N, C-alpha and C. Protein backbone atom coordinates (compact mmCIF):
# COMPACT_ATOMS: atom_id res chain seq x y z
N MET A 1 93.00 197.49 -11.32
CA MET A 1 92.97 196.62 -11.97
C MET A 1 92.01 195.21 -11.68
N GLY A 2 91.57 193.74 -13.14
CA GLY A 2 90.70 193.23 -11.58
C GLY A 2 91.69 191.67 -11.92
N THR A 3 90.94 191.29 -10.65
CA THR A 3 92.00 190.26 -11.40
C THR A 3 90.88 188.87 -11.68
N LEU A 4 92.10 187.68 -12.39
CA LEU A 4 91.58 187.23 -12.70
C LEU A 4 92.06 185.75 -12.28
N ILE A 5 91.72 184.00 -11.36
CA ILE A 5 92.36 183.93 -11.63
C ILE A 5 92.71 182.47 -12.05
N LEU A 6 93.48 182.02 -12.40
CA LEU A 6 93.68 180.00 -13.26
C LEU A 6 93.76 178.93 -12.62
N GLU A 7 93.66 178.65 -12.14
CA GLU A 7 93.91 177.51 -11.38
C GLU A 7 94.75 176.65 -12.58
N ILE A 8 94.97 175.62 -12.05
CA ILE A 8 96.36 174.94 -12.65
C ILE A 8 96.30 173.11 -12.63
N PRO A 9 95.97 172.46 -12.41
CA PRO A 9 96.28 171.53 -11.77
C PRO A 9 97.77 170.93 -11.86
N ASP A 10 98.59 170.28 -10.90
CA ASP A 10 100.11 170.52 -9.84
C ASP A 10 100.01 169.62 -11.09
N ASP A 11 99.97 168.73 -12.46
CA ASP A 11 100.15 167.39 -13.20
C ASP A 11 100.93 168.29 -14.42
N ILE A 12 100.48 169.36 -15.28
CA ILE A 12 99.51 170.16 -15.72
C ILE A 12 100.98 171.55 -15.39
N ALA A 13 101.18 171.96 -14.55
CA ALA A 13 102.03 173.17 -14.60
C ALA A 13 102.95 172.31 -14.13
N ASP A 14 103.60 170.90 -13.65
CA ASP A 14 104.77 170.64 -13.85
C ASP A 14 105.11 170.50 -15.46
N ALA A 15 104.14 170.50 -16.09
CA ALA A 15 104.34 169.77 -17.41
C ALA A 15 104.92 170.64 -18.35
N ILE A 16 105.00 171.82 -18.13
CA ILE A 16 105.25 173.18 -18.86
C ILE A 16 106.91 173.14 -19.17
N ARG A 17 107.31 173.25 -19.93
CA ARG A 17 108.40 173.69 -20.07
C ARG A 17 109.83 174.85 -19.81
N LEU A 18 109.21 175.34 -18.77
CA LEU A 18 109.59 176.46 -18.76
C LEU A 18 110.15 176.90 -17.61
N PRO A 19 110.81 177.61 -17.28
CA PRO A 19 111.49 177.91 -16.29
C PRO A 19 110.73 178.63 -15.34
N PRO A 20 110.54 179.46 -14.02
CA PRO A 20 109.06 179.13 -13.26
C PRO A 20 108.96 180.62 -13.23
N LYS A 21 109.82 181.52 -12.98
CA LYS A 21 110.20 182.72 -13.54
C LYS A 21 109.26 183.73 -14.48
N GLU A 22 109.40 182.74 -15.54
CA GLU A 22 108.83 182.42 -17.02
C GLU A 22 107.46 181.93 -17.09
N VAL A 23 107.20 181.24 -16.69
CA VAL A 23 105.96 180.77 -16.98
C VAL A 23 104.40 181.94 -16.80
N ASP A 24 104.71 182.88 -15.69
CA ASP A 24 103.90 183.69 -15.58
C ASP A 24 103.64 184.53 -17.17
N ARG A 25 104.69 184.77 -17.57
CA ARG A 25 104.92 185.87 -18.28
C ARG A 25 104.30 185.53 -19.80
N GLU A 26 104.72 183.85 -20.33
CA GLU A 26 104.44 182.88 -21.78
C GLU A 26 102.70 182.80 -21.79
N LEU A 27 102.68 182.95 -20.46
CA LEU A 27 100.99 182.07 -20.32
C LEU A 27 99.95 183.64 -20.20
N HIS A 28 100.71 184.90 -19.97
CA HIS A 28 99.58 185.93 -20.92
C HIS A 28 99.86 186.22 -22.47
N LYS A 29 101.02 185.66 -22.18
CA LYS A 29 101.18 186.01 -23.93
C LYS A 29 100.63 185.25 -25.00
N GLU A 30 100.30 183.72 -24.50
CA GLU A 30 99.53 183.11 -24.79
C GLU A 30 98.30 183.00 -24.80
N LEU A 31 97.63 183.63 -23.99
CA LEU A 31 96.99 184.42 -23.30
C LEU A 31 96.13 184.80 -24.43
N ALA A 32 96.42 186.07 -24.88
CA ALA A 32 96.20 187.08 -25.31
C ALA A 32 96.27 187.13 -26.77
N LEU A 33 97.43 185.94 -26.78
CA LEU A 33 97.02 186.04 -29.09
C LEU A 33 96.56 184.82 -28.81
N ALA A 34 95.55 183.56 -28.22
CA ALA A 34 94.68 182.68 -28.32
C ALA A 34 93.42 184.23 -28.48
N LEU A 35 92.75 184.59 -26.88
CA LEU A 35 91.84 186.24 -27.56
C LEU A 35 91.74 186.46 -28.35
N TYR A 36 92.33 187.16 -29.01
CA TYR A 36 93.32 187.87 -30.31
C TYR A 36 92.74 186.43 -31.51
N GLN A 37 93.21 185.56 -31.71
CA GLN A 37 92.37 184.95 -32.69
C GLN A 37 91.42 184.86 -32.53
N CYS A 38 90.47 184.96 -31.30
CA CYS A 38 89.03 184.34 -31.71
C CYS A 38 88.14 186.06 -31.16
N GLY A 39 88.66 186.61 -32.20
CA GLY A 39 88.13 187.76 -31.75
C GLY A 39 87.81 189.07 -30.68
N VAL A 40 87.84 188.13 -29.84
CA VAL A 40 87.71 188.14 -28.41
C VAL A 40 87.74 190.62 -27.62
N LEU A 41 88.94 190.21 -28.09
CA LEU A 41 89.74 191.56 -27.69
C LEU A 41 91.00 192.51 -29.20
N SER A 42 91.01 193.75 -28.88
CA SER A 42 90.97 194.02 -30.38
C SER A 42 92.95 193.97 -29.50
N SER A 43 94.16 194.10 -30.68
CA SER A 43 94.85 193.87 -30.60
C SER A 43 95.83 194.73 -29.36
N GLY A 44 95.43 196.25 -29.27
CA GLY A 44 95.49 197.34 -27.89
C GLY A 44 95.42 196.48 -26.91
N LYS A 45 94.28 195.75 -26.84
CA LYS A 45 93.88 195.39 -25.67
C LYS A 45 94.93 193.71 -25.09
N VAL A 46 95.10 193.03 -26.39
CA VAL A 46 95.79 192.02 -26.52
C VAL A 46 97.23 192.33 -25.51
N SER A 47 97.87 192.83 -26.36
CA SER A 47 99.07 193.74 -26.44
C SER A 47 99.59 194.26 -24.79
N SER A 48 98.63 194.60 -24.00
CA SER A 48 98.27 195.30 -23.06
C SER A 48 98.29 194.20 -21.78
N LEU A 49 97.64 193.83 -22.49
CA LEU A 49 97.75 191.62 -21.78
C LEU A 49 98.98 191.10 -21.79
N ALA A 50 99.20 190.62 -22.43
CA ALA A 50 100.79 190.35 -23.55
C ALA A 50 101.30 191.48 -22.38
N GLY A 51 102.16 192.01 -21.95
CA GLY A 51 102.66 192.73 -21.37
C GLY A 51 104.40 193.78 -22.40
N MET A 52 103.29 193.83 -23.26
CA MET A 52 103.98 194.45 -25.00
C MET A 52 103.27 194.70 -25.69
N THR A 53 104.91 196.51 -26.21
CA THR A 53 103.36 197.52 -26.99
C THR A 53 103.31 196.81 -27.63
N ARG A 54 102.02 197.26 -28.91
CA ARG A 54 101.30 197.32 -29.69
C ARG A 54 102.22 196.93 -30.54
N TRP A 55 103.63 197.08 -30.78
CA TRP A 55 103.85 196.81 -31.94
C TRP A 55 104.47 195.81 -31.90
N GLU A 56 105.06 195.04 -30.49
CA GLU A 56 105.86 193.99 -30.38
C GLU A 56 105.00 192.96 -30.62
N PHE A 57 104.08 193.14 -29.80
CA PHE A 57 102.61 192.20 -29.72
C PHE A 57 102.42 191.68 -31.88
N GLU A 58 102.69 192.71 -32.04
CA GLU A 58 102.18 192.81 -33.40
C GLU A 58 103.31 191.49 -34.73
N ASP A 59 104.49 191.69 -33.83
CA ASP A 59 105.71 191.14 -34.40
C ASP A 59 105.31 189.97 -33.50
N PHE A 60 104.76 189.45 -32.71
CA PHE A 60 103.79 188.48 -32.03
C PHE A 60 103.79 187.23 -32.35
N LEU A 61 102.45 187.90 -33.15
CA LEU A 61 101.52 187.31 -34.40
C LEU A 61 101.41 187.61 -35.67
N GLY A 62 102.40 188.27 -35.92
CA GLY A 62 103.46 187.29 -37.14
C GLY A 62 104.88 185.99 -37.35
N LEU A 63 105.06 185.74 -36.09
CA LEU A 63 105.78 184.51 -35.38
C LEU A 63 104.75 183.36 -35.51
N HIS A 64 103.87 183.34 -34.83
CA HIS A 64 103.07 182.53 -34.67
C HIS A 64 101.90 182.21 -35.63
N ARG A 65 102.57 183.20 -36.97
CA ARG A 65 101.75 182.86 -38.62
C ARG A 65 99.55 183.61 -38.33
N VAL A 66 99.81 184.43 -37.36
CA VAL A 66 98.32 184.82 -37.01
C VAL A 66 97.40 185.79 -38.28
N ARG A 67 96.79 185.47 -38.30
CA ARG A 67 96.49 186.81 -39.85
C ARG A 67 95.37 188.52 -38.91
N ARG A 68 95.98 189.12 -38.95
CA ARG A 68 95.92 190.04 -38.05
C ARG A 68 94.45 190.52 -38.13
N HIS A 69 93.72 190.62 -36.91
CA HIS A 69 91.38 191.55 -37.71
C HIS A 69 91.96 193.39 -37.30
N TYR A 70 91.86 193.64 -38.44
CA TYR A 70 92.21 195.53 -38.64
C TYR A 70 90.26 196.04 -38.45
N THR A 71 89.78 196.60 -37.86
CA THR A 71 89.06 196.85 -37.87
C THR A 71 88.80 198.73 -38.42
N ASP A 72 87.94 199.11 -38.96
CA ASP A 72 87.43 200.41 -38.28
C ASP A 72 88.16 201.26 -37.13
N GLU A 73 88.08 200.49 -35.48
CA GLU A 73 88.36 201.27 -34.30
C GLU A 73 89.93 200.69 -35.18
N ASN A 74 90.95 199.96 -35.43
CA ASN A 74 92.19 200.29 -35.00
C ASN A 74 91.86 200.90 -36.11
N LEU A 75 91.31 201.76 -37.37
CA LEU A 75 92.30 202.60 -38.35
C LEU A 75 92.40 203.93 -37.45
N GLU A 76 90.48 204.07 -36.82
CA GLU A 76 90.70 205.21 -35.83
C GLU A 76 92.30 205.61 -35.33
N GLU A 77 92.63 204.52 -34.19
CA GLU A 77 93.20 203.88 -33.49
C GLU A 77 94.93 205.28 -34.11
N ASP A 78 94.74 203.88 -35.53
CA ASP A 78 96.29 204.72 -36.02
C ASP A 78 96.45 205.52 -36.99
N ILE A 79 95.07 206.55 -37.04
CA ILE A 79 94.92 207.18 -37.53
C ILE A 79 94.77 208.97 -36.35
N ASN A 80 94.95 208.43 -35.03
CA ASN A 80 94.23 209.69 -34.00
C ASN A 80 96.24 209.40 -33.43
N TYR A 81 97.13 208.40 -33.77
CA TYR A 81 98.39 208.40 -33.22
C TYR A 81 98.99 209.32 -34.03
N ALA A 82 98.46 208.67 -35.00
CA ALA A 82 99.06 209.33 -36.19
C ALA A 82 99.42 211.24 -36.12
N ARG A 83 98.36 211.80 -35.92
CA ARG A 83 98.16 213.01 -35.92
C ARG A 83 99.07 212.90 -34.78
N SER A 84 98.28 212.51 -33.68
CA SER A 84 98.97 213.62 -31.98
C SER A 84 100.75 213.29 -32.50
N HIS A 85 101.29 212.55 -33.58
CA HIS A 85 102.51 212.65 -33.43
C HIS A 85 103.68 213.19 -34.51
N VAL A 86 102.13 214.10 -34.71
CA VAL A 86 103.23 214.14 -36.20
C VAL A 86 104.13 216.00 -35.59
């Protein structure tokens, strides 16, 4: 897995009102949400980035009232998933 390091100024890091152990996880979720909203990554990729299952990420999108991008690729993934679980 590649590593990307994002440096956040101390004053901003201090302003994040989350327990220190939750900051990394929450920032991953928010980054995933933003990348999905911009159409940069598919729901499968962003759910992995967020550390969630695809279905958990779908719920997360709903909580944030984000419109879903459902592409032909998503349809193909869903069909393949359904066929493999029959």
